[in-house]
């Protein structure tokens, strides 16, 4: 059986500002990606407008590829025509998110 290691209280711990500690924690790629996806979802209606919002929802963000779910084939086609405009809107509204491609399902 493996021994539990006791915390080493003699080891010094560097003090850093809280903002730096949070930035460091949030810079982990998986966490950062989840936060970006959450921000994008919460801002979705403002970015695309009410009409598109009622028919198209973001479902996944993988790297710089955004996947959207449309409620009909008509809206899938409409979004395919609007891909470049949507990328520009997202990238300008949320400057820290850089969408390079949009997939529509």
PDB file of N, CA and C in Angstrom:
ATOM      1  N   UNK A   1       0.831  -1.169   0.000  1.00  0.00           N
ATOM      2  CA  UNK A   1       0.000   0.000   0.000  1.00  0.00           C
ATOM      3  C   UNK A   1       0.885   1.244   0.000  1.00  0.00           C
ATOM      4  N   UNK A   2       0.458   2.211  -0.727  1.00  0.00           N
ATOM      5  CA  UNK A   2       1.235   3.430  -0.882  1.00  0.00           C
ATOM      6  C   UNK A   2       0.999   4.374   0.298  1.00  0.00           C
ATOM      7  N   UNK A   3       2.077   4.973   0.804  1.00  0.00           N
ATOM      8  CA  UNK A   3       1.977   5.903   1.917  1.00  0.00           C
ATOM      9  C   UNK A   3       1.474   7.251   1.425  1.00  0.00           C
ATOM     10  N   UNK A   4       0.642   7.861   2.225  1.00  0.00           N
ATOM     11  CA  UNK A   4       0.227   9.224   1.930  1.00  0.00           C
ATOM     12  C   UNK A   4       1.351  10.164   2.303  1.00  0.00           C
ATOM     13  N   UNK A   5       1.634  11.061   1.409  1.00  0.00           N
ATOM     14  CA  UNK A   5       2.692  12.010   1.733  1.00  0.00           C
ATOM     15  C   UNK A   5       2.117  13.151   2.564  1.00  0.00           C
ATOM     16  N   UNK A   6       2.808  13.503   3.548  1.00  0.00           N
ATOM     17  CA  UNK A   6       2.412  14.610   4.419  1.00  0.00           C
ATOM     18  C   UNK A   6       2.856  15.911   3.775  1.00  0.00           C
ATOM     19  N   UNK A   7       2.057  16.953   3.906  1.00  0.00           N
ATOM     20  CA  UNK A   7       2.468  18.241   3.361  1.00  0.00           C
ATOM     21  C   UNK A   7       3.781  18.692   3.979  1.00  0.00           C
ATOM     22  N   UNK A   8       4.649  19.209   3.181  1.00  0.00           N
ATOM     23  CA  UNK A   8       5.943  19.674   3.646  1.00  0.00           C
ATOM     24  C   UNK A   8       5.825  21.133   4.035  1.00  0.00           C
ATOM     25  N   UNK A   9       5.681  21.377   5.298  1.00  0.00           N
ATOM     26  CA  UNK A   9       5.465  22.735   5.784  1.00  0.00           C
ATOM     27  C   UNK A   9       6.739  23.569   5.768  1.00  0.00           C
ATOM     28  N   UNK A  10       7.883  22.951   5.539  1.00  0.00           N
ATOM     29  CA  UNK A  10       9.127  23.719   5.534  1.00  0.00           C
ATOM     30  C   UNK A  10       9.455  24.254   4.141  1.00  0.00           C
ATOM     31  N   UNK A  11       8.733  23.806   3.140  1.00  0.00           N
ATOM     32  CA  UNK A  11       8.990  24.273   1.780  1.00  0.00           C
ATOM     33  C   UNK A  11       8.385  25.665   1.605  1.00  0.00           C
ATOM     34  N   UNK A  12       9.182  26.639   1.147  1.00  0.00           N
ATOM     35  CA  UNK A  12       8.632  27.988   0.976  1.00  0.00           C
ATOM     36  C   UNK A  12       7.669  28.052  -0.214  1.00  0.00           C
ATOM     37  N   UNK A  13       6.683  28.879  -0.067  1.00  0.00           N
ATOM     38  CA  UNK A  13       5.696  29.083  -1.113  1.00  0.00           C
ATOM     39  C   UNK A  13       5.798  30.536  -1.560  1.00  0.00           C
ATOM     40  N   UNK A  14       5.923  30.738  -2.868  1.00  0.00           N
ATOM     41  CA  UNK A  14       6.030  32.095  -3.393  1.00  0.00           C
ATOM     42  C   UNK A  14       4.669  32.779  -3.336  1.00  0.00           C
ATOM     43  N   UNK A  15       4.669  34.007  -2.948  1.00  0.00           N
ATOM     44  CA  UNK A  15       3.447  34.795  -2.929  1.00  0.00           C
ATOM     45  C   UNK A  15       3.343  35.537  -4.254  1.00  0.00           C
ATOM     46  N   UNK A  16       2.193  35.384  -4.887  1.00  0.00           N
ATOM     47  CA  UNK A  16       1.953  36.088  -6.143  1.00  0.00           C
ATOM     48  C   UNK A  16       0.588  36.774  -6.051  1.00  0.00           C
ATOM     49  N   UNK A  17       0.382  37.807  -6.841  1.00  0.00           N
ATOM     50  CA  UNK A  17      -0.935  38.473  -6.805  1.00  0.00           C
ATOM     51  C   UNK A  17      -2.042  37.498  -7.201  1.00  0.00           C
ATOM     52  N   UNK A  18      -3.220  37.695  -6.634  1.00  0.00           N
ATOM     53  CA  UNK A  18      -4.358  36.821  -6.911  1.00  0.00           C
ATOM     54  C   UNK A  18      -4.682  36.791  -8.405  1.00  0.00           C
ATOM     55  N   UNK A  19      -4.630  37.944  -9.052  1.00  0.00           N
ATOM     56  CA  UNK A  19      -4.928  38.003 -10.494  1.00  0.00           C
ATOM     57  C   UNK A  19      -3.973  37.120 -11.281  1.00  0.00           C
ATOM     58  N   UNK A  20      -2.713  37.100 -10.900  1.00  0.00           N
ATOM     59  CA  UNK A  20      -1.728  36.259 -11.588  1.00  0.00           C
ATOM     60  C   UNK A  20      -2.019  34.779 -11.346  1.00  0.00           C
ATOM     61  N   UNK A  21      -2.432  34.439 -10.135  1.00  0.00           N
ATOM     62  CA  UNK A  21      -2.769  33.042  -9.831  1.00  0.00           C
ATOM     63  C   UNK A  21      -3.983  32.593 -10.633  1.00  0.00           C
ATOM     64  N   UNK A  22      -4.988  33.469 -10.745  1.00  0.00           N
ATOM     65  CA  UNK A  22      -6.187  33.130 -11.512  1.00  0.00           C
ATOM     66  C   UNK A  22      -5.852  33.001 -12.989  1.00  0.00           C
ATOM     67  N   UNK A  23      -5.066  33.942 -13.518  1.00  0.00           N
ATOM     68  CA  UNK A  23      -4.646  33.863 -14.926  1.00  0.00           C
ATOM     69  C   UNK A  23      -3.911  32.562 -15.201  1.00  0.00           C
ATOM     70  N   UNK A  24      -3.057  32.182 -14.289  1.00  0.00           N
ATOM     71  CA  UNK A  24      -2.305  30.939 -14.455  1.00  0.00           C
ATOM     72  C   UNK A  24      -3.240  29.735 -14.467  1.00  0.00           C
ATOM     73  N   UNK A  25      -4.200  29.721 -13.560  1.00  0.00           N
ATOM     74  CA  UNK A  25      -5.144  28.599 -13.493  1.00  0.00           C
ATOM     75  C   UNK A  25      -6.026  28.550 -14.732  1.00  0.00           C
ATOM     76  N   UNK A  26      -6.456  29.711 -15.215  1.00  0.00           N
ATOM     77  CA  UNK A  26      -7.352  29.752 -16.363  1.00  0.00           C
ATOM     78  C   UNK A  26      -6.643  29.564 -17.695  1.00  0.00           C
ATOM     79  N   UNK A  27      -5.336  29.596 -17.670  1.00  0.00           N
ATOM     80  CA  UNK A  27      -4.610  29.436 -18.924  1.00  0.00           C
ATOM     81  C   UNK A  27      -4.498  27.971 -19.345  1.00  0.00           C
ATOM     82  N   UNK A  28      -4.918  27.063 -18.487  1.00  0.00           N
ATOM     83  CA  UNK A  28      -4.938  25.649 -18.871  1.00  0.00           C
ATOM     84  C   UNK A  28      -5.883  25.510 -20.060  1.00  0.00           C
ATOM     85  N   UNK A  29      -5.429  24.908 -21.157  1.00  0.00           N
ATOM     86  CA  UNK A  29      -6.223  24.890 -22.394  1.00  0.00           C
ATOM     87  C   UNK A  29      -7.649  24.377 -22.233  1.00  0.00           C
ATOM     88  N   UNK A  30      -7.847  23.319 -21.487  1.00  0.00           N
ATOM     89  CA  UNK A  30      -9.185  22.751 -21.351  1.00  0.00           C
ATOM     90  C   UNK A  30     -10.119  23.706 -20.606  1.00  0.00           C
ATOM     91  N   UNK A  31      -9.636  24.285 -19.532  1.00  0.00           N
ATOM     92  CA  UNK A  31     -10.438  25.223 -18.756  1.00  0.00           C
ATOM     93  C   UNK A  31     -10.724  26.469 -19.579  1.00  0.00           C
ATOM     94  N   UNK A  32      -9.702  26.982 -20.242  1.00  0.00           N
ATOM     95  CA  UNK A  32      -9.875  28.190 -21.062  1.00  0.00           C
ATOM     96  C   UNK A  32     -10.918  27.952 -22.157  1.00  0.00           C
ATOM     97  N   UNK A  33     -10.870  26.798 -22.795  1.00  0.00           N
ATOM     98  CA  UNK A  33     -11.820  26.477 -23.859  1.00  0.00           C
ATOM     99  C   UNK A  33     -13.248  26.428 -23.322  1.00  0.00           C
ATOM    100  N   UNK A  34     -13.436  25.863 -22.146  1.00  0.00           N
ATOM    101  CA  UNK A  34     -14.768  25.792 -21.551  1.00  0.00           C
ATOM    102  C   UNK A  34     -15.286  27.177 -21.178  1.00  0.00           C
ATOM    103  N   UNK A  35     -14.422  28.025 -20.691  1.00  0.00           N
ATOM    104  CA  UNK A  35     -14.826  29.387 -20.341  1.00  0.00           C
ATOM    105  C   UNK A  35     -15.201  30.164 -21.599  1.00  0.00           C
ATOM    106  N   UNK A  36     -14.394  30.042 -22.645  1.00  0.00           N
ATOM    107  CA  UNK A  36     -14.699  30.732 -23.904  1.00  0.00           C
ATOM    108  C   UNK A  36     -16.034  30.269 -24.480  1.00  0.00           C
ATOM    109  N   UNK A  37     -16.287  28.967 -24.435  1.00  0.00           N
ATOM    110  CA  UNK A  37     -17.557  28.433 -24.930  1.00  0.00           C
ATOM    111  C   UNK A  37     -18.726  28.974 -24.107  1.00  0.00           C
ATOM    112  N   UNK A  38     -18.549  29.076 -22.819  1.00  0.00           N
ATOM    113  CA  UNK A  38     -19.599  29.597 -21.943  1.00  0.00           C
ATOM    114  C   UNK A  38     -19.879  31.073 -22.229  1.00  0.00           C
ATOM    115  N   UNK A  39     -18.835  31.850 -22.413  1.00  0.00           N
ATOM    116  CA  UNK A  39     -19.002  33.273 -22.724  1.00  0.00           C
ATOM    117  C   UNK A  39     -19.702  33.428 -24.067  1.00  0.00           C
ATOM    118  N   UNK A  40     -19.284  32.658 -25.049  1.00  0.00           N
ATOM    119  CA  UNK A  40     -19.905  32.727 -26.371  1.00  0.00           C
ATOM    120  C   UNK A  40     -21.391  32.386 -26.295  1.00  0.00           C
ATOM    121  N   UNK A  41     -21.729  31.344 -25.555  1.00  0.00           N
ATOM    122  CA  UNK A  41     -23.138  30.946 -25.413  1.00  0.00           C
ATOM    123  C   UNK A  41     -23.951  32.037 -24.722  1.00  0.00           C
ATOM    124  N   UNK A  42     -23.385  32.673 -23.717  1.00  0.00           N
ATOM    125  CA  UNK A  42     -24.133  33.709 -22.993  1.00  0.00           C
ATOM    126  C   UNK A  42     -24.304  34.980 -23.821  1.00  0.00           C
ATOM    127  N   UNK A  43     -23.408  35.235 -24.763  1.00  0.00           N
ATOM    128  CA  UNK A  43     -23.477  36.431 -25.602  1.00  0.00           C
ATOM    129  C   UNK A  43     -24.122  36.150 -26.965  1.00  0.00           C
ATOM    130  N   UNK A  44     -24.541  34.909 -27.206  1.00  0.00           N
ATOM    131  CA  UNK A  44     -24.983  34.474 -28.526  1.00  0.00           C
ATOM    132  C   UNK A  44     -26.100  35.348 -29.112  1.00  0.00           C
ATOM    133  N   UNK A  45     -27.145  35.617 -28.358  1.00  0.00           N
ATOM    134  CA  UNK A  45     -28.265  36.403 -28.890  1.00  0.00           C
ATOM    135  C   UNK A  45     -27.815  37.810 -29.282  1.00  0.00           C
ATOM    136  N   UNK A  46     -26.988  38.418 -28.458  1.00  0.00           N
ATOM    137  CA  UNK A  46     -26.500  39.764 -28.767  1.00  0.00           C
ATOM    138  C   UNK A  46     -25.632  39.768 -30.020  1.00  0.00           C
ATOM    139  N   UNK A  47     -24.878  38.722 -30.226  1.00  0.00           N
ATOM    140  CA  UNK A  47     -23.978  38.636 -31.385  1.00  0.00           C
ATOM    141  C   UNK A  47     -24.751  38.423 -32.680  1.00  0.00           C
ATOM    142  N   UNK A  48     -25.698  37.485 -32.668  1.00  0.00           N
ATOM    143  CA  UNK A  48     -26.360  37.098 -33.922  1.00  0.00           C
ATOM    144  C   UNK A  48     -27.725  37.734 -34.134  1.00  0.00           C
ATOM    145  N   UNK A  49     -28.316  38.286 -33.096  1.00  0.00           N
ATOM    146  CA  UNK A  49     -29.651  38.861 -33.224  1.00  0.00           C
ATOM    147  C   UNK A  49     -30.719  37.838 -32.873  1.00  0.00           C
ATOM    148  N   UNK A  50     -31.903  38.323 -32.582  1.00  0.00           N
ATOM    149  CA  UNK A  50     -32.993  37.482 -32.095  1.00  0.00           C
ATOM    150  C   UNK A  50     -33.461  36.455 -33.121  1.00  0.00           C
ATOM    151  N   UNK A  51     -33.525  36.831 -34.391  1.00  0.00           N
ATOM    152  CA  UNK A  51     -34.036  35.913 -35.415  1.00  0.00           C
ATOM    153  C   UNK A  51     -33.157  34.674 -35.530  1.00  0.00           C
ATOM    154  N   UNK A  52     -31.854  34.870 -35.679  1.00  0.00           N
ATOM    155  CA  UNK A  52     -30.946  33.718 -35.773  1.00  0.00           C
ATOM    156  C   UNK A  52     -30.910  32.979 -34.442  1.00  0.00           C
ATOM    157  N   UNK A  53     -30.894  33.711 -33.350  1.00  0.00           N
ATOM    158  CA  UNK A  53     -30.868  33.106 -32.016  1.00  0.00           C
ATOM    159  C   UNK A  53     -32.013  32.115 -31.820  1.00  0.00           C
ATOM    160  N   UNK A  54     -33.182  32.428 -32.359  1.00  0.00           N
ATOM    161  CA  UNK A  54     -34.342  31.556 -32.201  1.00  0.00           C
ATOM    162  C   UNK A  54     -34.226  30.250 -32.987  1.00  0.00           C
ATOM    163  N   UNK A  55     -33.297  30.158 -33.924  1.00  0.00           N
ATOM    164  CA  UNK A  55     -33.200  28.977 -34.789  1.00  0.00           C
ATOM    165  C   UNK A  55     -31.840  28.280 -34.768  1.00  0.00           C
ATOM    166  N   UNK A  56     -30.820  28.945 -34.266  1.00  0.00           N
ATOM    167  CA  UNK A  56     -29.465  28.406 -34.330  1.00  0.00           C
ATOM    168  C   UNK A  56     -28.786  28.600 -32.977  1.00  0.00           C
ATOM    169  N   UNK A  57     -28.202  27.509 -32.444  1.00  0.00           N
ATOM    170  CA  UNK A  57     -27.535  27.566 -31.141  1.00  0.00           C
ATOM    171  C   UNK A  57     -26.113  27.033 -31.254  1.00  0.00           C
ATOM    172  N   UNK A  58     -25.181  27.623 -30.523  1.00  0.00           N
ATOM    173  CA  UNK A  58     -23.830  27.058 -30.481  1.00  0.00           C
ATOM    174  C   UNK A  58     -23.842  25.784 -29.635  1.00  0.00           C
ATOM    175  N   UNK A  59     -23.191  24.732 -30.133  1.00  0.00           N
ATOM    176  CA  UNK A  59     -23.173  23.471 -29.389  1.00  0.00           C
ATOM    177  C   UNK A  59     -21.777  23.031 -28.968  1.00  0.00           C
ATOM    178  N   UNK A  60     -20.746  23.491 -29.686  1.00  0.00           N
ATOM    179  CA  UNK A  60     -19.392  23.077 -29.327  1.00  0.00           C
ATOM    180  C   UNK A  60     -18.380  24.083 -29.841  1.00  0.00           C
ATOM    181  N   UNK A  61     -17.295  24.198 -29.110  1.00  0.00           N
ATOM    182  CA  UNK A  61     -16.163  25.014 -29.523  1.00  0.00           C
ATOM    183  C   UNK A  61     -14.936  24.140 -29.374  1.00  0.00           C
ATOM    184  N   UNK A  62     -14.318  23.816 -30.491  1.00  0.00           N
ATOM    185  CA  UNK A  62     -13.140  22.955 -30.484  1.00  0.00           C
ATOM    186  C   UNK A  62     -11.992  23.707 -31.141  1.00  0.00           C
ATOM    187  N   UNK A  63     -11.113  24.216 -30.310  1.00  0.00           N
ATOM    188  CA  UNK A  63     -10.046  25.053 -30.835  1.00  0.00           C
ATOM    189  C   UNK A  63     -10.652  26.318 -31.395  1.00  0.00           C
ATOM    190  N   UNK A  64     -10.480  26.526 -32.692  1.00  0.00           N
ATOM    191  CA  UNK A  64     -11.050  27.718 -33.326  1.00  0.00           C
ATOM    192  C   UNK A  64     -12.230  27.369 -34.226  1.00  0.00           C
ATOM    193  N   UNK A  65     -12.798  26.169 -34.028  1.00  0.00           N
ATOM    194  CA  UNK A  65     -13.940  25.718 -34.830  1.00  0.00           C
ATOM    195  C   UNK A  65     -15.193  25.720 -33.960  1.00  0.00           C
ATOM    196  N   UNK A  66     -16.179  26.489 -34.397  1.00  0.00           N
ATOM    197  CA  UNK A  66     -17.451  26.588 -33.690  1.00  0.00           C
ATOM    198  C   UNK A  66     -18.459  25.696 -34.398  1.00  0.00           C
ATOM    199  N   UNK A  67     -19.158  24.856 -33.637  1.00  0.00           N
ATOM    200  CA  UNK A  67     -20.212  24.011 -34.192  1.00  0.00           C
ATOM    201  C   UNK A  67     -21.557  24.569 -33.748  1.00  0.00           C
ATOM    202  N   UNK A  68     -22.445  24.723 -34.720  1.00  0.00           N
ATOM    203  CA  UNK A  68     -23.773  25.257 -34.466  1.00  0.00           C
ATOM    204  C   UNK A  68     -24.823  24.204 -34.784  1.00  0.00           C
ATOM    205  N   UNK A  69     -25.944  24.249 -34.084  1.00  0.00           N
ATOM    206  CA  UNK A  69     -27.076  23.375 -34.338  1.00  0.00           C
ATOM    207  C   UNK A  69     -28.231  24.230 -34.832  1.00  0.00           C
ATOM    208  N   UNK A  70     -28.671  23.970 -36.068  1.00  0.00           N
ATOM    209  CA  UNK A  70     -29.810  24.688 -36.640  1.00  0.00           C
ATOM    210  C   UNK A  70     -31.053  23.823 -36.489  1.00  0.00           C
ATOM    211  N   UNK A  71     -32.207  24.452 -36.340  1.00  0.00           N
ATOM    212  CA  UNK A  71     -33.428  23.686 -36.117  1.00  0.00           C
ATOM    213  C   UNK A  71     -34.094  23.190 -37.397  1.00  0.00           C
ATOM    214  N   UNK A  72     -33.534  23.525 -38.567  1.00  0.00           N
ATOM    215  CA  UNK A  72     -34.091  23.026 -39.828  1.00  0.00           C
ATOM    216  C   UNK A  72     -33.043  23.120 -40.928  1.00  0.00           C
ATOM    217  N   UNK A  73     -33.313  22.430 -42.023  1.00  0.00           N
ATOM    218  CA  UNK A  73     -32.384  22.480 -43.150  1.00  0.00           C
ATOM    219  C   UNK A  73     -32.342  23.879 -43.760  1.00  0.00           C
ATOM    220  N   UNK A  74     -33.436  24.596 -43.690  1.00  0.00           N
ATOM    221  CA  UNK A  74     -33.462  25.968 -44.203  1.00  0.00           C
ATOM    222  C   UNK A  74     -32.479  26.839 -43.417  1.00  0.00           C
ATOM    223  N   UNK A  75     -32.479  26.703 -42.092  1.00  0.00           N
ATOM    224  CA  UNK A  75     -31.558  27.494 -41.275  1.00  0.00           C
ATOM    225  C   UNK A  75     -30.121  27.010 -41.416  1.00  0.00           C
ATOM    226  N   UNK A  76     -29.901  25.709 -41.638  1.00  0.00           N
ATOM    227  CA  UNK A  76     -28.539  25.229 -41.902  1.00  0.00           C
ATOM    228  C   UNK A  76     -27.988  25.909 -43.149  1.00  0.00           C
ATOM    229  N   UNK A  77     -28.805  25.981 -44.180  1.00  0.00           N
ATOM    230  CA  UNK A  77     -28.367  26.620 -45.417  1.00  0.00           C
ATOM    231  C   UNK A  77     -28.150  28.120 -45.211  1.00  0.00           C
ATOM    232  N   UNK A  78     -29.052  28.756 -44.511  1.00  0.00           N
ATOM    233  CA  UNK A  78     -28.923  30.192 -44.251  1.00  0.00           C
ATOM    234  C   UNK A  78     -27.625  30.493 -43.513  1.00  0.00           C
ATOM    235  N   UNK A  79     -27.322  29.707 -42.488  1.00  0.00           N
ATOM    236  CA  UNK A  79     -26.100  29.929 -41.717  1.00  0.00           C
ATOM    237  C   UNK A  79     -24.867  29.659 -42.574  1.00  0.00           C
ATOM    238  N   UNK A  80     -24.953  28.679 -43.468  1.00  0.00           N
ATOM    239  CA  UNK A  80     -23.801  28.423 -44.335  1.00  0.00           C
ATOM    240  C   UNK A  80     -23.497  29.640 -45.208  1.00  0.00           C
ATOM    241  N   UNK A  81     -24.526  30.389 -45.602  1.00  0.00           N
ATOM    242  CA  UNK A  81     -24.319  31.619 -46.360  1.00  0.00           C
ATOM    243  C   UNK A  81     -23.757  32.743 -45.483  1.00  0.00           C
ATOM    244  N   UNK A  82     -24.074  32.687 -44.196  1.00  0.00           N
ATOM    245  CA  UNK A  82     -23.673  33.750 -43.267  1.00  0.00           C
ATOM    246  C   UNK A  82     -22.394  33.460 -42.494  1.00  0.00           C
ATOM    247  N   UNK A  83     -21.716  32.352 -42.791  1.00  0.00           N
ATOM    248  CA  UNK A  83     -20.548  31.938 -42.004  1.00  0.00           C
ATOM    249  C   UNK A  83     -19.521  33.055 -41.824  1.00  0.00           C
ATOM    250  N   UNK A  84     -19.124  33.678 -42.912  1.00  0.00           N
ATOM    251  CA  UNK A  84     -18.089  34.713 -42.806  1.00  0.00           C
ATOM    252  C   UNK A  84     -18.556  35.894 -41.964  1.00  0.00           C
ATOM    253  N   UNK A  85     -19.796  36.298 -42.143  1.00  0.00           N
ATOM    254  CA  UNK A  85     -20.352  37.392 -41.356  1.00  0.00           C
ATOM    255  C   UNK A  85     -20.408  37.015 -39.869  1.00  0.00           C
ATOM    256  N   UNK A  86     -20.838  35.797 -39.573  1.00  0.00           N
ATOM    257  CA  UNK A  86     -20.906  35.346 -38.179  1.00  0.00           C
ATOM    258  C   UNK A  86     -19.519  35.290 -37.547  1.00  0.00           C
ATOM    259  N   UNK A  87     -18.538  34.785 -38.294  1.00  0.00           N
ATOM    260  CA  UNK A  87     -17.162  34.748 -37.768  1.00  0.00           C
ATOM    261  C   UNK A  87     -16.684  36.157 -37.444  1.00  0.00           C
ATOM    262  N   UNK A  88     -16.941  37.093 -38.356  1.00  0.00           N
ATOM    263  CA  UNK A  88     -16.525  38.480 -38.128  1.00  0.00           C
ATOM    264  C   UNK A  88     -17.215  39.077 -36.906  1.00  0.00           C
ATOM    265  N   UNK A  89     -18.513  38.826 -36.754  1.00  0.00           N
ATOM    266  CA  UNK A  89     -19.258  39.353 -35.603  1.00  0.00           C
ATOM    267  C   UNK A  89     -18.704  38.797 -34.294  1.00  0.00           C
ATOM    268  N   UNK A  90     -18.492  37.478 -34.264  1.00  0.00           N
ATOM    269  CA  UNK A  90     -17.988  36.841 -33.044  1.00  0.00           C
ATOM    270  C   UNK A  90     -16.599  37.369 -32.707  1.00  0.00           C
ATOM    271  N   UNK A  91     -15.725  37.386 -33.705  1.00  0.00           N
ATOM    272  CA  UNK A  91     -14.343  37.801 -33.460  1.00  0.00           C
ATOM    273  C   UNK A  91     -14.231  39.279 -33.077  1.00  0.00           C
ATOM    274  N   UNK A  92     -15.120  40.126 -33.592  1.00  0.00           N
ATOM    275  CA  UNK A  92     -15.047  41.537 -33.216  1.00  0.00           C
ATOM    276  C   UNK A  92     -15.707  41.789 -31.858  1.00  0.00           C
ATOM    277  N   UNK A  93     -16.793  41.092 -31.570  1.00  0.00           N
ATOM    278  CA  UNK A  93     -17.489  41.272 -30.291  1.00  0.00           C
ATOM    279  C   UNK A  93     -16.686  40.686 -29.134  1.00  0.00           C
ATOM    280  N   UNK A  94     -16.151  39.492 -29.344  1.00  0.00           N
ATOM    281  CA  UNK A  94     -15.375  38.799 -28.313  1.00  0.00           C
ATOM    282  C   UNK A  94     -13.949  38.659 -28.818  1.00  0.00           C
ATOM    283  N   UNK A  95     -13.177  39.713 -28.695  1.00  0.00           N
ATOM    284  CA  UNK A  95     -11.834  39.771 -29.268  1.00  0.00           C
ATOM    285  C   UNK A  95     -10.896  38.663 -28.832  1.00  0.00           C
ATOM    286  N   UNK A  96     -11.131  38.059 -27.685  1.00  0.00           N
ATOM    287  CA  UNK A  96     -10.257  37.009 -27.189  1.00  0.00           C
ATOM    288  C   UNK A  96     -10.637  35.637 -27.741  1.00  0.00           C
ATOM    289  N   UNK A  97     -11.734  35.556 -28.490  1.00  0.00           N
ATOM    290  CA  UNK A  97     -12.114  34.314 -29.163  1.00  0.00           C
ATOM    291  C   UNK A  97     -11.860  34.518 -30.646  1.00  0.00           C
ATOM    292  N   UNK A  98     -11.101  33.635 -31.248  1.00  0.00           N
ATOM    293  CA  UNK A  98     -10.824  33.726 -32.677  1.00  0.00           C
ATOM    294  C   UNK A  98     -11.409  32.499 -33.367  1.00  0.00           C
ATOM    295  N   UNK A  99     -12.568  32.692 -33.990  1.00  0.00           N
ATOM    296  CA  UNK A  99     -13.222  31.613 -34.729  1.00  0.00           C
ATOM    297  C   UNK A  99     -12.693  31.623 -36.150  1.00  0.00           C
ATOM    298  N   UNK A 100     -12.183  30.471 -36.599  1.00  0.00           N
ATOM    299  CA  UNK A 100     -11.655  30.371 -37.960  1.00  0.00           C
ATOM    300  C   UNK A 100     -12.594  29.594 -38.884  1.00  0.00           C
ATOM    301  N   UNK A 101     -13.466  28.757 -38.299  1.00  0.00           N
ATOM    302  CA  UNK A 101     -14.398  27.984 -39.110  1.00  0.00           C
ATOM    303  C   UNK A 101     -15.675  27.738 -38.313  1.00  0.00           C
ATOM    304  N   UNK A 102     -16.766  27.592 -39.038  1.00  0.00           N
ATOM    305  CA  UNK A 102     -18.062  27.292 -38.422  1.00  0.00           C
ATOM    306  C   UNK A 102     -18.637  26.074 -39.132  1.00  0.00           C
ATOM    307  N   UNK A 103     -19.046  25.098 -38.348  1.00  0.00           N
ATOM    308  CA  UNK A 103     -19.745  23.914 -38.867  1.00  0.00           C
ATOM    309  C   UNK A 103     -21.193  23.998 -38.421  1.00  0.00           C
ATOM    310  N   UNK A 104     -22.088  23.627 -39.311  1.00  0.00           N
ATOM    311  CA  UNK A 104     -23.511  23.699 -38.981  1.00  0.00           C
ATOM    312  C   UNK A 104     -24.116  22.305 -39.097  1.00  0.00           C
ATOM    313  N   UNK A 105     -24.856  21.921 -38.078  1.00  0.00           N
ATOM    314  CA  UNK A 105     -25.544  20.619 -38.067  1.00  0.00           C
ATOM    315  C   UNK A 105     -27.022  20.812 -38.002  1.00  0.00           C
TER     316      UNK A 105
END
